Each structure stands twice: as structure tokens, then as C-alpha cells.
PDB file of N, CA and C in Angstrom:
ATOM      1  N   MET A   1       0.819  -1.192   0.000  1.00  0.00           N
ATOM      2  CA  MET A   1       0.000   0.000   0.000  1.00  0.00           C
ATOM      3  C   MET A   1       0.863   1.258   0.000  1.00  0.00           C
ATOM      4  N   ALA A   2       1.967   1.239   0.756  1.00  0.00           N
ATOM      5  CA  ALA A   2       2.827   2.420   0.820  1.00  0.00           C
ATOM      6  C   ALA A   2       3.421   2.754  -0.546  1.00  0.00           C
ATOM      7  N   LEU A   3       3.825   1.736  -1.284  1.00  0.00           N
ATOM      8  CA  LEU A   3       4.378   1.996  -2.615  1.00  0.00           C
ATOM      9  C   LEU A   3       3.317   2.534  -3.560  1.00  0.00           C
ATOM     10  N   LYS A   4       2.111   2.009  -3.471  1.00  0.00           N
ATOM     11  CA  LYS A   4       1.035   2.528  -4.323  1.00  0.00           C
ATOM     12  C   LYS A   4       0.736   3.981  -3.977  1.00  0.00           C
ATOM     13  N   PHE A   5       0.696   4.296  -2.674  1.00  0.00           N
ATOM     14  CA  PHE A   5       0.459   5.673  -2.244  1.00  0.00           C
ATOM     15  C   PHE A   5       1.561   6.584  -2.769  1.00  0.00           C
ATOM     16  N   LYS A   6       2.760   6.066  -2.809  1.00  0.00           N
ATOM     17  CA  LYS A   6       3.912   6.848  -3.254  1.00  0.00           C
ATOM     18  C   LYS A   6       3.845   7.162  -4.743  1.00  0.00           C
ATOM     19  N   TYR A   7       3.345   6.218  -5.551  1.00  0.00           N
ATOM     20  CA  TYR A   7       3.451   6.364  -7.009  1.00  0.00           C
ATOM     21  C   TYR A   7       2.129   6.549  -7.744  1.00  0.00           C
ATOM     22  N   GLU A   8       1.009   6.392  -7.076  1.00  0.00           N
ATOM     23  CA  GLU A   8      -0.289   6.508  -7.750  1.00  0.00           C
ATOM     24  C   GLU A   8      -0.998   7.786  -7.305  1.00  0.00           C
ATOM     25  N   PRO A   9      -1.018   8.814  -8.157  1.00  0.00           N
ATOM     26  CA  PRO A   9      -1.601  10.099  -7.761  1.00  0.00           C
ATOM     27  C   PRO A   9      -3.052  10.019  -7.289  1.00  0.00           C
ATOM     28  N   PHE A  10      -3.825   9.079  -7.813  1.00  0.00           N
ATOM     29  CA  PHE A  10      -5.231   9.012  -7.408  1.00  0.00           C
ATOM     30  C   PHE A  10      -5.385   8.585  -5.946  1.00  0.00           C
ATOM     31  N   LEU A  11      -4.319   8.072  -5.338  1.00  0.00           N
ATOM     32  CA  LEU A  11      -4.380   7.658  -3.939  1.00  0.00           C
ATOM     33  C   LEU A  11      -4.057   8.792  -2.966  1.00  0.00           C
ATOM     34  N   GLN A  12      -3.817   9.993  -3.474  1.00  0.00           N
ATOM     35  CA  GLN A  12      -3.550  11.141  -2.601  1.00  0.00           C
ATOM     36  C   GLN A  12      -4.671  11.345  -1.592  1.00  0.00           C
ATOM     37  N   ALA A  13      -5.878  11.007  -1.993  1.00  0.00           N
ATOM     38  CA  ALA A  13      -7.033  11.183  -1.116  1.00  0.00           C
ATOM     39  C   ALA A  13      -6.944  10.314   0.136  1.00  0.00           C
ATOM     40  N   LEU A  14      -6.066   9.319   0.127  1.00  0.00           N
ATOM     41  CA  LEU A  14      -5.902   8.454   1.295  1.00  0.00           C
ATOM     42  C   LEU A  14      -5.026   9.075   2.377  1.00  0.00           C
ATOM     43  N   ALA A  15      -4.374  10.185   2.085  1.00  0.00           N
ATOM     44  CA  ALA A  15      -3.443  10.795   3.043  1.00  0.00           C
ATOM     45  C   ALA A  15      -4.064  11.009   4.428  1.00  0.00           C
ATOM     46  N   PRO A  16      -5.287  11.554   4.544  1.00  0.00           N
ATOM     47  CA  PRO A  16      -5.854  11.732   5.891  1.00  0.00           C
ATOM     48  C   PRO A  16      -6.063  10.402   6.620  1.00  0.00           C
ATOM     49  N   HIS A  17      -6.437   9.374   5.886  1.00  0.00           N
ATOM     50  CA  HIS A  17      -6.668   8.069   6.507  1.00  0.00           C
ATOM     51  C   HIS A  17      -5.355   7.418   6.948  1.00  0.00           C
ATOM     52  N   ILE A  18      -4.333   7.506   6.107  1.00  0.00           N
ATOM     53  CA  ILE A  18      -3.030   6.943   6.458  1.00  0.00           C
ATOM     54  C   ILE A  18      -2.443   7.700   7.653  1.00  0.00           C
ATOM     55  N   ALA A  19      -2.582   9.021   7.649  1.00  0.00           N
ATOM     56  CA  ALA A  19      -2.109   9.812   8.788  1.00  0.00           C
ATOM     57  C   ALA A  19      -2.857   9.421  10.059  1.00  0.00           C
ATOM     58  N   GLY A  20      -4.151   9.133   9.940  1.00  0.00           N
ATOM     59  CA  GLY A  20      -4.929   8.682  11.094  1.00  0.00           C
ATOM     60  C   GLY A  20      -4.436   7.354  11.636  1.00  0.00           C
ATOM     61  N   VAL A  21      -4.080   6.442  10.747  1.00  0.00           N
ATOM     62  CA  VAL A  21      -3.534   5.151  11.170  1.00  0.00           C
ATOM     63  C   VAL A  21      -2.200   5.357  11.892  1.00  0.00           C
ATOM     64  N   ILE A  22      -1.364   6.240  11.361  1.00  0.00           N
ATOM     65  CA  ILE A  22      -0.073   6.531  12.000  1.00  0.00           C
ATOM     66  C   ILE A  22      -0.312   7.126  13.392  1.00  0.00           C
ATOM     67  N   ALA A  23      -1.231   8.079  13.496  1.00  0.00           N
ATOM     68  CA  ALA A  23      -1.533   8.705  14.791  1.00  0.00           C
ATOM     69  C   ALA A  23      -2.079   7.671  15.768  1.00  0.00           C
ATOM     70  N   ASP A  24      -2.959   6.781  15.299  1.00  0.00           N
ATOM     71  CA  ASP A  24      -3.493   5.728  16.169  1.00  0.00           C
ATOM     72  C   ASP A  24      -2.381   4.804  16.653  1.00  0.00           C
ATOM     73  N   HIS A  25      -1.452   4.460  15.760  1.00  0.00           N
ATOM     74  CA  HIS A  25      -0.328   3.611  16.153  1.00  0.00           C
ATOM     75  C   HIS A  25       0.525   4.301  17.208  1.00  0.00           C
ATOM     76  N   LEU A  26       0.779   5.590  17.022  1.00  0.00           N
ATOM     77  CA  LEU A  26       1.555   6.327  18.018  1.00  0.00           C
ATOM     78  C   LEU A  26       0.846   6.347  19.363  1.00  0.00           C
ATOM     79  N   SER A  27      -0.481   6.406  19.338  1.00  0.00           N
ATOM     80  CA  SER A  27      -1.247   6.369  20.588  1.00  0.00           C
ATOM     81  C   SER A  27      -1.061   5.042  21.301  1.00  0.00           C
ATOM     82  N   LEU A  28      -1.064   3.954  20.538  1.00  0.00           N
ATOM     83  CA  LEU A  28      -0.890   2.626  21.141  1.00  0.00           C
ATOM     84  C   LEU A  28       0.510   2.456  21.716  1.00  0.00           C
ATOM     85  N   VAL A  29       1.500   2.957  21.012  1.00  0.00           N
ATOM     86  CA  VAL A  29       2.891   2.755  21.414  1.00  0.00           C
ATOM     87  C   VAL A  29       3.321   3.745  22.497  1.00  0.00           C
ATOM     88  N   HIS A  30       2.914   5.010  22.355  1.00  0.00           N
ATOM     89  CA  HIS A  30       3.428   6.066  23.232  1.00  0.00           C
ATOM     90  C   HIS A  30       2.367   6.725  24.103  1.00  0.00           C
ATOM     91  N   GLY A  31       1.149   6.260  24.058  1.00  0.00           N
ATOM     92  CA  GLY A  31       0.088   6.937  24.802  1.00  0.00           C
ATOM     93  C   GLY A  31      -0.582   7.965  23.914  1.00  0.00           C
ATOM     94  N   ASP A  32      -0.901   9.093  24.456  1.00  0.00           N
ATOM     95  CA  ASP A  32      -1.643  10.136  23.742  1.00  0.00           C
ATOM     96  C   ASP A  32      -0.810  10.738  22.614  1.00  0.00           C
ATOM     97  N   HIS A  33      -1.233  10.505  21.348  1.00  0.00           N
ATOM     98  CA  HIS A  33      -0.463  11.022  20.214  1.00  0.00           C
ATOM     99  C   HIS A  33      -0.473  12.538  20.164  1.00  0.00           C
ATOM    100  N   ALA A  34      -1.523  13.173  20.658  1.00  0.00           N
ATOM    101  CA  ALA A  34      -1.591  14.630  20.601  1.00  0.00           C
ATOM    102  C   ALA A  34      -0.483  15.250  21.448  1.00  0.00           C
ATOM    103  N   SER A  35      -0.232  14.681  22.630  1.00  0.00           N
ATOM    104  CA  SER A  35       0.827  15.256  23.464  1.00  0.00           C
ATOM    105  C   SER A  35       2.202  14.946  22.876  1.00  0.00           C
ATOM    106  N   LEU A  36       2.370  13.774  22.288  1.00  0.00           N
ATOM    107  CA  LEU A  36       3.655  13.415  21.675  1.00  0.00           C
ATOM    108  C   LEU A  36       3.918  14.256  20.432  1.00  0.00           C
ATOM    109  N   LEU A  37       2.968  14.266  19.505  1.00  0.00           N
ATOM    110  CA  LEU A  37       3.170  14.990  18.256  1.00  0.00           C
ATOM    111  C   LEU A  37       3.029  16.497  18.421  1.00  0.00           C
ATOM    112  N   GLY A  38       2.201  16.923  19.376  1.00  0.00           N
ATOM    113  CA  GLY A  38       1.997  18.349  19.573  1.00  0.00           C
ATOM    114  C   GLY A  38       3.271  19.099  19.909  1.00  0.00           C
ATOM    115  N   GLN A  39       4.261  18.371  20.430  1.00  0.00           N
ATOM    116  CA  GLN A  39       5.543  18.974  20.776  1.00  0.00           C
ATOM    117  C   GLN A  39       6.584  18.742  19.686  1.00  0.00           C
ATOM    118  N   SER A  40       6.163  18.176  18.579  1.00  0.00           N
ATOM    119  CA  SER A  40       7.098  17.777  17.529  1.00  0.00           C
ATOM    120  C   SER A  40       7.057  18.723  16.334  1.00  0.00           C
ATOM    121  N   LEU A  41       8.118  18.649  15.562  1.00  0.00           N
ATOM    122  CA  LEU A  41       8.179  19.340  14.288  1.00  0.00           C
ATOM    123  C   LEU A  41       8.271  18.263  13.210  1.00  0.00           C
ATOM    124  N   LEU A  42       7.291  18.227  12.343  1.00  0.00           N
ATOM    125  CA  LEU A  42       7.260  17.237  11.265  1.00  0.00           C
ATOM    126  C   LEU A  42       7.972  17.829  10.050  1.00  0.00           C
ATOM    127  N   VAL A  43       8.976  17.118   9.563  1.00  0.00           N
ATOM    128  CA  VAL A  43       9.773  17.601   8.447  1.00  0.00           C
ATOM    129  C   VAL A  43       9.741  16.545   7.348  1.00  0.00           C
ATOM    130  N   PRO A  44       8.962  16.778   6.298  1.00  0.00           N
ATOM    131  CA  PRO A  44       8.906  15.792   5.212  1.00  0.00           C
ATOM    132  C   PRO A  44      10.199  15.752   4.413  1.00  0.00           C
ATOM    133  N   VAL A  45      10.473  14.590   3.872  1.00  0.00           N
ATOM    134  CA  VAL A  45      11.672  14.400   3.050  1.00  0.00           C
ATOM    135  C   VAL A  45      11.428  15.048   1.692  1.00  0.00           C
ATOM    136  N   PRO A  46      12.316  15.944   1.273  1.00  0.00           N
ATOM    137  CA  PRO A  46      12.108  16.586  -0.025  1.00  0.00           C
ATOM    138  C   PRO A  46      12.385  15.624  -1.181  1.00  0.00           C
ATOM    139  N   LEU A  47      11.719  15.866  -2.285  1.00  0.00           N
ATOM    140  CA  LEU A  47      11.921  15.074  -3.495  1.00  0.00           C
ATOM    141  C   LEU A  47      12.723  15.870  -4.510  1.00  0.00           C
ATOM    142  N   ASP A  48      13.392  15.159  -5.362  1.00  0.00           N
ATOM    143  CA  ASP A  48      14.043  15.773  -6.516  1.00  0.00           C
ATOM    144  C   ASP A  48      12.966  16.431  -7.381  1.00  0.00           C
ATOM    145  N   LYS A  49      13.280  17.554  -7.981  1.00  0.00           N
ATOM    146  CA  LYS A  49      12.286  18.281  -8.788  1.00  0.00           C
ATOM    147  C   LYS A  49      11.704  17.416  -9.901  1.00  0.00           C
ATOM    148  N   ARG A  50      12.519  16.547 -10.477  1.00  0.00           N
ATOM    149  CA  ARG A  50      12.023  15.674 -11.544  1.00  0.00           C
ATOM    150  C   ARG A  50      10.985  14.695 -11.014  1.00  0.00           C
ATOM    151  N   LYS A  51      11.201  14.203  -9.790  1.00  0.00           N
ATOM    152  CA  LYS A  51      10.232  13.265  -9.205  1.00  0.00           C
ATOM    153  C   LYS A  51       8.916  13.970  -8.894  1.00  0.00           C
ATOM    154  N   ILE A  52       9.002  15.186  -8.392  1.00  0.00           N
ATOM    155  CA  ILE A  52       7.767  15.936  -8.124  1.00  0.00           C
ATOM    156  C   ILE A  52       7.012  16.168  -9.424  1.00  0.00           C
ATOM    157  N   LEU A  53       7.732  16.516 -10.480  1.00  0.00           N
ATOM    158  CA  LEU A  53       7.075  16.738 -11.771  1.00  0.00           C
ATOM    159  C   LEU A  53       6.445  15.452 -12.311  1.00  0.00           C
ATOM    160  N   SER A  54       7.121  14.331 -12.147  1.00  0.00           N
ATOM    161  CA  SER A  54       6.564  13.083 -12.683  1.00  0.00           C
ATOM    162  C   SER A  54       5.422  12.555 -11.830  1.00  0.00           C
ATOM    163  N   ARG A  55       5.530  12.667 -10.497  1.00  0.00           N
ATOM    164  CA  ARG A  55       4.471  12.159  -9.604  1.00  0.00           C
ATOM    165  C   ARG A  55       3.362  13.172  -9.399  1.00  0.00           C
ATOM    166  N   GLY A  56       3.748  14.430  -9.371  1.00  0.00           N
ATOM    167  CA  GLY A  56       2.765  15.476  -9.134  1.00  0.00           C
ATOM    168  C   GLY A  56       2.581  15.834  -7.669  1.00  0.00           C
ATOM    169  N   TYR A  57       3.239  15.124  -6.773  1.00  0.00           N
ATOM    170  CA  TYR A  57       3.085  15.402  -5.348  1.00  0.00           C
ATOM    171  C   TYR A  57       4.214  14.727  -4.570  1.00  0.00           C
ATOM    172  N   ASN A  58       4.372  15.145  -3.320  1.00  0.00           N
ATOM    173  CA  ASN A  58       5.335  14.545  -2.401  1.00  0.00           C
ATOM    174  C   ASN A  58       4.531  13.859  -1.305  1.00  0.00           C
ATOM    175  N   GLN A  59       4.555  12.551  -1.274  1.00  0.00           N
ATOM    176  CA  GLN A  59       3.733  11.801  -0.331  1.00  0.00           C
ATOM    177  C   GLN A  59       4.114  12.089   1.118  1.00  0.00           C
ATOM    178  N   SER A  60       5.387  12.328   1.404  1.00  0.00           N
ATOM    179  CA  SER A  60       5.765  12.607   2.789  1.00  0.00           C
ATOM    180  C   SER A  60       5.247  13.982   3.230  1.00  0.00           C
ATOM    181  N   ALA A  61       5.174  14.922   2.298  1.00  0.00           N
ATOM    182  CA  ALA A  61       4.604  16.234   2.629  1.00  0.00           C
ATOM    183  C   ALA A  61       3.105  16.123   2.898  1.00  0.00           C
ATOM    184  N   LEU A  62       2.415  15.294   2.122  1.00  0.00           N
ATOM    185  CA  LEU A  62       0.980  15.092   2.366  1.00  0.00           C
ATOM    186  C   LEU A  62       0.744  14.493   3.749  1.00  0.00           C
ATOM    187  N   LEU A  63       1.535  13.486   4.101  1.00  0.00           N
ATOM    188  CA  LEU A  63       1.371  12.846   5.410  1.00  0.00           C
ATOM    189  C   LEU A  63       1.734  13.804   6.544  1.00  0.00           C
ATOM    190  N   ALA A  64       2.792  14.583   6.378  1.00  0.00           N
ATOM    191  CA  ALA A  64       3.164  15.557   7.411  1.00  0.00           C
ATOM    192  C   ALA A  64       2.054  16.584   7.612  1.00  0.00           C
ATOM    193  N   GLU A  65       1.484  17.040   6.519  1.00  0.00           N
ATOM    194  CA  GLU A  65       0.391  18.020   6.604  1.00  0.00           C
ATOM    195  C   GLU A  65      -0.813  17.437   7.353  1.00  0.00           C
ATOM    196  N   GLU A  66      -1.181  16.216   7.025  1.00  0.00           N
ATOM    197  CA  GLU A  66      -2.336  15.588   7.671  1.00  0.00           C
ATOM    198  C   GLU A  66      -2.053  15.252   9.134  1.00  0.00           C
ATOM    199  N   LEU A  67      -0.851  14.775   9.446  1.00  0.00           N
ATOM    200  CA  LEU A  67      -0.498  14.508  10.849  1.00  0.00           C
ATOM    201  C   LEU A  67      -0.497  15.787  11.668  1.00  0.00           C
ATOM    202  N   ALA A  68      -0.060  16.877  11.062  1.00  0.00           N
ATOM    203  CA  ALA A  68      -0.091  18.167  11.762  1.00  0.00           C
ATOM    204  C   ALA A  68      -1.525  18.577  12.077  1.00  0.00           C
ATOM    205  N   LYS A  69      -2.432  18.368  11.139  1.00  0.00           N
ATOM    206  CA  LYS A  69      -3.847  18.697  11.379  1.00  0.00           C
ATOM    207  C   LYS A  69      -4.421  17.874  12.522  1.00  0.00           C
ATOM    208  N   ILE A  70      -4.097  16.584  12.530  1.00  0.00           N
ATOM    209  CA  ILE A  70      -4.640  15.680  13.550  1.00  0.00           C
ATOM    210  C   ILE A  70      -4.092  16.011  14.933  1.00  0.00           C
ATOM    211  N   SER A  71      -2.797  16.283  15.007  1.00  0.00           N
ATOM    212  CA  SER A  71      -2.115  16.339  16.298  1.00  0.00           C
ATOM    213  C   SER A  71      -1.842  17.736  16.828  1.00  0.00           C
ATOM    214  N   GLY A  72      -1.894  18.722  15.965  1.00  0.00           N
ATOM    215  CA  GLY A  72      -1.511  20.065  16.389  1.00  0.00           C
ATOM    216  C   GLY A  72      -0.015  20.312  16.300  1.00  0.00           C
ATOM    217  N   ALA A  73       0.722  19.333  15.783  1.00  0.00           N
ATOM    218  CA  ALA A  73       2.167  19.520  15.583  1.00  0.00           C
ATOM    219  C   ALA A  73       2.390  20.549  14.484  1.00  0.00           C
ATOM    220  N   LYS A  74       3.570  21.064  14.449  1.00  0.00           N
ATOM    221  CA  LYS A  74       3.940  21.977  13.366  1.00  0.00           C
ATOM    222  C   LYS A  74       4.625  21.162  12.270  1.00  0.00           C
ATOM    223  N   ALA A  75       4.416  21.577  11.040  1.00  0.00           N
ATOM    224  CA  ALA A  75       5.088  20.952   9.900  1.00  0.00           C
ATOM    225  C   ALA A  75       5.915  22.016   9.204  1.00  0.00           C
ATOM    226  N   ALA A  76       7.155  21.682   8.908  1.00  0.00           N
ATOM    227  CA  ALA A  76       8.064  22.602   8.224  1.00  0.00           C
ATOM    228  C   ALA A  76       8.447  21.978   6.889  1.00  0.00           C
ATOM    229  N   PHE A  77       8.007  22.610   5.824  1.00  0.00           N
ATOM    230  CA  PHE A  77       8.187  22.042   4.493  1.00  0.00           C
ATOM    231  C   PHE A  77       9.432  22.564   3.780  1.00  0.00           C
ATOM    232  N   ASP A  78      10.120  23.525   4.377  1.00  0.00           N
ATOM    233  CA  ASP A  78      11.248  24.137   3.678  1.00  0.00           C
ATOM    234  C   ASP A  78      12.569  24.056   4.455  1.00  0.00           C
ATOM    235  N   ILE A  79      12.626  23.193   5.443  1.00  0.00           N
ATOM    236  CA  ILE A  79      13.854  23.076   6.238  1.00  0.00           C
ATOM    237  C   ILE A  79      14.915  22.261   5.507  1.00  0.00           C
ATOM    238  N   LEU A  80      14.503  21.133   4.928  1.00  0.00           N
ATOM    239  CA  LEU A  80      15.440  20.280   4.205  1.00  0.00           C
ATOM    240  C   LEU A  80      15.422  20.624   2.730  1.00  0.00           C
ATOM    241  N   GLN A  81      16.558  20.427   2.092  1.00  0.00           N
ATOM    242  CA  GLN A  81      16.679  20.695   0.665  1.00  0.00           C
ATOM    243  C   GLN A  81      17.315  19.492  -0.013  1.00  0.00           C
ATOM    244  N   LYS A  82      16.749  19.085  -1.124  1.00  0.00           N
ATOM    245  CA  LYS A  82      17.344  18.006  -1.916  1.00  0.00           C
ATOM    246  C   LYS A  82      18.502  18.585  -2.701  1.00  0.00           C
ATOM    247  N   ILE A  83      19.665  17.940  -2.593  1.00  0.00           N
ATOM    248  CA  ILE A  83      20.820  18.429  -3.346  1.00  0.00           C
ATOM    249  C   ILE A  83      21.365  17.340  -4.254  1.00  0.00           C
TER     250      ILE A  83
END
């Protein structure tokens, strides 16, 4: 499923659901995900410009955005740079 999400643009709509599963897993492992993630900074892995053009999106950025919405964490999309 992760590979399909990574390469199939029509699966972008699954980002909120996948982020919810990740948040639920964090709750099981660490307790309250809101307190854990709320203190975190989510930094998605940047993609090469050619990959963004071919895929049309960055799956890690979608997941970071959705996890931030769920948990109240901050997401920083411009901290890392692909070189």
C-alpha cells in the first residue's frame, strides 16, 4: 500500500486516513499522540524536482500536513533541501 500511495496520484485522497492510522499507532505505542506529536516538528523528506514533476506530489509532505492537522504539531516544508 505504501508503494502505491507513493506512485499513484489518485491515492492522494488516502493521506488523511493513512495519517490517522499513524496517529493511532503512536497512541498505542506512546500513549496520547496529541501530546507526543503536539511537541514535535514534522519535516517531510524533499523530493528531486524531476520526481515531483513526474508524480505530481510529495507523499511525505501530504502525510506531514495531515499529521499536523490531527495532532496540532507543526510541519516545516522548507527546512530540508534536496541536493
